[in-house]
Amino acid sequence: MKKIPKSLQEKLDNRHDSGTFRALKTKPHLIDFSSNDYLGLARLDAIS
């Protein structure tokens, strides 16, 4: 996994500390028809 630049990590830490950090919730048992990854190929370790 790539390392996050220090300036970006500081901004993320500030969001966590202030309670304003948001993350997308994933539901792995559902099929995603609204993106180009409806087969889930982007999540395969063999491809990435």
Protein backbone atom coordinates (compact mmCIF):
# COMPACT_ATOMS: atom_id res chain seq x y z
CA MET A 1 0.00 0.00 0.00
CA LYS A 2 1.28 3.46 -0.86
CA LYS A 3 2.28 5.83 1.91
CA ILE A 4 0.04 8.87 2.43
CA PRO A 5 1.83 12.26 2.28
CA LYS A 6 2.33 13.85 5.70
CA SER A 7 0.16 16.89 4.91
CA LEU A 8 -2.77 14.69 3.91
CA GLN A 9 -2.33 12.45 6.96
CA GLU A 10 -2.45 15.54 9.19
CA LYS A 11 -5.74 16.61 7.58
CA LEU A 12 -7.19 13.13 8.08
CA ASP A 13 -6.07 13.12 11.72
CA ASN A 14 -7.72 16.52 12.23
CA ARG A 15 -10.98 15.18 10.79
CA HIS A 16 -10.83 12.13 13.07
CA ASP A 17 -10.13 14.32 16.11
CA SER A 18 -12.97 16.74 15.33
CA GLY A 19 -15.45 13.97 14.53
CA THR A 20 -15.95 15.08 10.93
CA PHE A 21 -14.28 12.11 9.22
CA ARG A 22 -16.58 10.19 6.88
CA ALA A 23 -16.01 6.89 5.13
CA LEU A 24 -18.06 5.03 2.56
CA LYS A 25 -19.79 1.95 3.89
CA THR A 26 -19.40 -1.14 1.76
CA LYS A 27 -21.76 -4.06 1.60
CA PRO A 28 -19.78 -6.96 0.13
CA HIS A 29 -22.77 -9.26 -0.29
CA LEU A 30 -24.50 -6.88 -2.73
CA ILE A 31 -23.84 -6.46 -6.45
CA ASP A 32 -22.82 -2.96 -7.52
CA PHE A 33 -24.55 -2.09 -10.80
CA SER A 34 -23.87 1.66 -10.50
CA SER A 35 -20.14 1.55 -11.23
CA ASN A 36 -17.81 -0.05 -13.74
CA ASP A 37 -16.86 -2.66 -11.12
CA TYR A 38 -20.15 -4.56 -10.95
CA LEU A 39 -18.26 -7.87 -11.14
CA GLY A 40 -16.01 -6.90 -8.24
CA LEU A 41 -12.81 -7.35 -10.24
CA ALA A 42 -11.17 -4.24 -8.76
CA ARG A 43 -11.14 -5.92 -5.34
CA LEU A 44 -9.25 -9.00 -6.52
CA ASP A 45 -5.69 -9.21 -5.21
CA ALA A 46 -4.55 -11.03 -8.35
CA ILE A 47 -5.45 -8.01 -10.50
CA SER A 48 -4.36 -5.17 -8.25
